[in-house]
Amino acid sequence: MIIVITILGILNIGLGYATYNLLKKLEIYEKSIEEFYTSLSFVLHTMRTLDEKQMFESDDEVGTVFRQMSDILFTLRPIIYGKEQNEEKD
């Protein structure tokens, strides 16, 4: 009986340590995704501010970059905020 309790105690400590490490990694990943989203939003906003006449956004090659960045933002938005938001693409 004492052997079983000892084994379960060691297993419990090991699982607790593993859970703690996974939680710390998850927090790091969440923070990285939020920082990426914020940076990408800022870059897209800055690009649109510089291209106020929409000459580059409507161009084939540069417009593709605008669309890809916009698509990435709207893909990440539900991940960060936890739900779909009824907003039109910028």
C-alpha atoms as a PDB file:
ATOM      1  CA  MET A   1       0.000   0.000   0.000  1.00  0.00           C
ATOM      2  CA  ILE A   2       2.817   2.390   0.858  1.00  0.00           C
ATOM      3  CA  ILE A   3       4.531   1.578  -2.445  1.00  0.00           C
ATOM      4  CA  VAL A   4       1.385   2.471  -4.416  1.00  0.00           C
ATOM      5  CA  ILE A   5       0.988   5.765  -2.536  1.00  0.00           C
ATOM      6  CA  THR A   6       4.655   6.615  -3.148  1.00  0.00           C
ATOM      7  CA  ILE A   7       4.388   5.835  -6.862  1.00  0.00           C
ATOM      8  CA  LEU A   8       1.191   7.873  -7.172  1.00  0.00           C
ATOM      9  CA  GLY A   9       2.793  10.770  -5.289  1.00  0.00           C
ATOM     10  CA  ILE A  10       5.823  10.799  -7.603  1.00  0.00           C
ATOM     11  CA  LEU A  11       3.557  10.518 -10.640  1.00  0.00           C
ATOM     12  CA  ASN A  12       1.414  13.384  -9.340  1.00  0.00           C
ATOM     13  CA  ILE A  13       4.473  15.619  -8.889  1.00  0.00           C
ATOM     14  CA  GLY A  14       5.734  14.742 -12.379  1.00  0.00           C
ATOM     15  CA  LEU A  15       2.393  15.462 -13.996  1.00  0.00           C
ATOM     16  CA  GLY A  16       2.088  18.735 -12.098  1.00  0.00           C
ATOM     17  CA  TYR A  17       5.537  19.800 -13.302  1.00  0.00           C
ATOM     18  CA  ALA A  18       4.692  18.842 -16.903  1.00  0.00           C
ATOM     19  CA  THR A  19       1.412  20.786 -16.742  1.00  0.00           C
ATOM     20  CA  TYR A  20       3.197  23.847 -15.368  1.00  0.00           C
ATOM     21  CA  ASN A  21       5.769  23.759 -18.189  1.00  0.00           C
ATOM     22  CA  LEU A  22       3.088  23.369 -20.849  1.00  0.00           C
ATOM     23  CA  LEU A  23       1.138  26.282 -19.388  1.00  0.00           C
ATOM     24  CA  LYS A  24       4.204  28.539 -19.528  1.00  0.00           C
ATOM     25  CA  LYS A  25       4.840  27.569 -23.159  1.00  0.00           C
ATOM     26  CA  LEU A  26       1.209  28.231 -24.050  1.00  0.00           C
ATOM     27  CA  GLU A  27       1.377  31.696 -22.503  1.00  0.00           C
ATOM     28  CA  ILE A  28       4.513  32.459 -24.531  1.00  0.00           C
ATOM     29  CA  TYR A  29       2.795  31.334 -27.756  1.00  0.00           C
ATOM     30  CA  GLU A  30      -0.313  33.391 -27.018  1.00  0.00           C
ATOM     31  CA  LYS A  31       1.788  36.470 -26.331  1.00  0.00           C
ATOM     32  CA  SER A  32       3.720  35.930 -29.583  1.00  0.00           C
ATOM     33  CA  ILE A  33       0.505  35.643 -31.606  1.00  0.00           C
ATOM     34  CA  GLU A  34      -0.886  38.822 -30.038  1.00  0.00           C
ATOM     35  CA  GLU A  35       2.345  40.719 -30.741  1.00  0.00           C
ATOM     36  CA  PHE A  36       2.370  39.448 -34.336  1.00  0.00           C
ATOM     37  CA  TYR A  37      -1.258  40.519 -34.790  1.00  0.00           C
ATOM     38  CA  THR A  38      -0.552  43.971 -33.349  1.00  0.00           C
ATOM     39  CA  SER A  39       2.544  44.438 -35.502  1.00  0.00           C
ATOM     40  CA  LEU A  40       0.781  43.257 -38.636  1.00  0.00           C
ATOM     41  CA  SER A  41      -2.177  45.549 -37.942  1.00  0.00           C
ATOM     42  CA  PHE A  42       0.183  48.487 -37.525  1.00  0.00           C
ATOM     43  CA  VAL A  43       2.064  47.673 -40.733  1.00  0.00           C
ATOM     44  CA  LEU A  44      -1.158  47.274 -42.733  1.00  0.00           C
ATOM     45  CA  HIS A  45      -2.536  50.522 -41.317  1.00  0.00           C
ATOM     46  CA  THR A  46       0.712  52.329 -42.120  1.00  0.00           C
ATOM     47  CA  MET A  47       0.744  50.919 -45.651  1.00  0.00           C
ATOM     48  CA  ARG A  48      -2.812  52.076 -46.220  1.00  0.00           C
ATOM     49  CA  THR A  49      -2.008  55.509 -44.806  1.00  0.00           C
ATOM     50  CA  LEU A  50       0.933  55.873 -47.170  1.00  0.00           C
ATOM     51  CA  ASP A  51      -1.206  54.625 -50.056  1.00  0.00           C
ATOM     52  CA  GLU A  52      -4.097  57.007 -49.491  1.00  0.00           C
ATOM     53  CA  LYS A  53      -4.949  57.138 -53.207  1.00  0.00           C
ATOM     54  CA  GLN A  54      -5.017  53.315 -53.349  1.00  0.00           C
ATOM     55  CA  MET A  55      -2.638  53.280 -56.290  1.00  0.00           C
ATOM     56  CA  PHE A  56      -0.528  50.465 -54.866  1.00  0.00           C
ATOM     57  CA  GLU A  57      -3.334  48.472 -53.266  1.00  0.00           C
ATOM     58  CA  SER A  58      -5.043  48.092 -56.626  1.00  0.00           C
ATOM     59  CA  ASP A  59      -1.760  47.058 -58.315  1.00  0.00           C
ATOM     60  CA  ASP A  60      -1.368  43.352 -59.082  1.00  0.00           C
ATOM     61  CA  GLU A  61       1.801  42.533 -57.170  1.00  0.00           C
ATOM     62  CA  VAL A  62       1.612  45.040 -54.324  1.00  0.00           C
ATOM     63  CA  GLY A  63      -2.146  44.583 -54.028  1.00  0.00           C
ATOM     64  CA  THR A  64      -1.531  40.895 -53.421  1.00  0.00           C
ATOM     65  CA  VAL A  65       0.544  41.800 -50.365  1.00  0.00           C
ATOM     66  CA  PHE A  66      -2.275  44.035 -49.090  1.00  0.00           C
ATOM     67  CA  ARG A  67      -4.809  41.234 -49.526  1.00  0.00           C
ATOM     68  CA  GLN A  68      -2.576  38.614 -47.912  1.00  0.00           C
ATOM     69  CA  MET A  69      -1.912  40.809 -44.884  1.00  0.00           C
ATOM     70  CA  SER A  70      -5.602  41.560 -44.579  1.00  0.00           C
ATOM     71  CA  ASP A  71      -6.457  37.854 -44.825  1.00  0.00           C
ATOM     72  CA  ILE A  72      -3.912  37.006 -42.118  1.00  0.00           C
ATOM     73  CA  LEU A  73      -5.402  39.657 -39.834  1.00  0.00           C
ATOM     74  CA  PHE A  74      -8.919  38.332 -40.237  1.00  0.00           C
ATOM     75  CA  THR A  75      -7.693  34.769 -39.709  1.00  0.00           C
ATOM     76  CA  LEU A  76      -5.970  35.722 -36.461  1.00  0.00           C
ATOM     77  CA  ARG A  77      -8.776  37.933 -35.139  1.00  0.00           C
ATOM     78  CA  PRO A  78     -11.039  35.036 -33.963  1.00  0.00           C
ATOM     79  CA  ILE A  79      -8.038  33.278 -32.429  1.00  0.00           C
ATOM     80  CA  ILE A  80      -7.093  36.329 -30.396  1.00  0.00           C
ATOM     81  CA  TYR A  81     -10.553  37.526 -29.414  1.00  0.00           C
ATOM     82  CA  GLY A  82     -12.125  34.078 -29.123  1.00  0.00           C
ATOM     83  CA  LYS A  83     -15.043  34.593 -31.484  1.00  0.00           C
ATOM     84  CA  GLU A  84     -15.933  35.768 -34.950  1.00  0.00           C
ATOM     85  CA  GLN A  85     -16.540  39.461 -35.223  1.00  0.00           C
ATOM     86  CA  ASN A  86     -18.952  40.788 -37.784  1.00  0.00           C
ATOM     87  CA  GLU A  87     -16.640  43.292 -39.389  1.00  0.00           C
ATOM     88  CA  GLU A  88     -15.890  43.942 -42.988  1.00  0.00           C
ATOM     89  CA  LYS A  89     -12.349  43.472 -44.195  1.00  0.00           C
ATOM     90  CA  ASP A  90     -10.373  46.696 -44.079  1.00  0.00           C
END
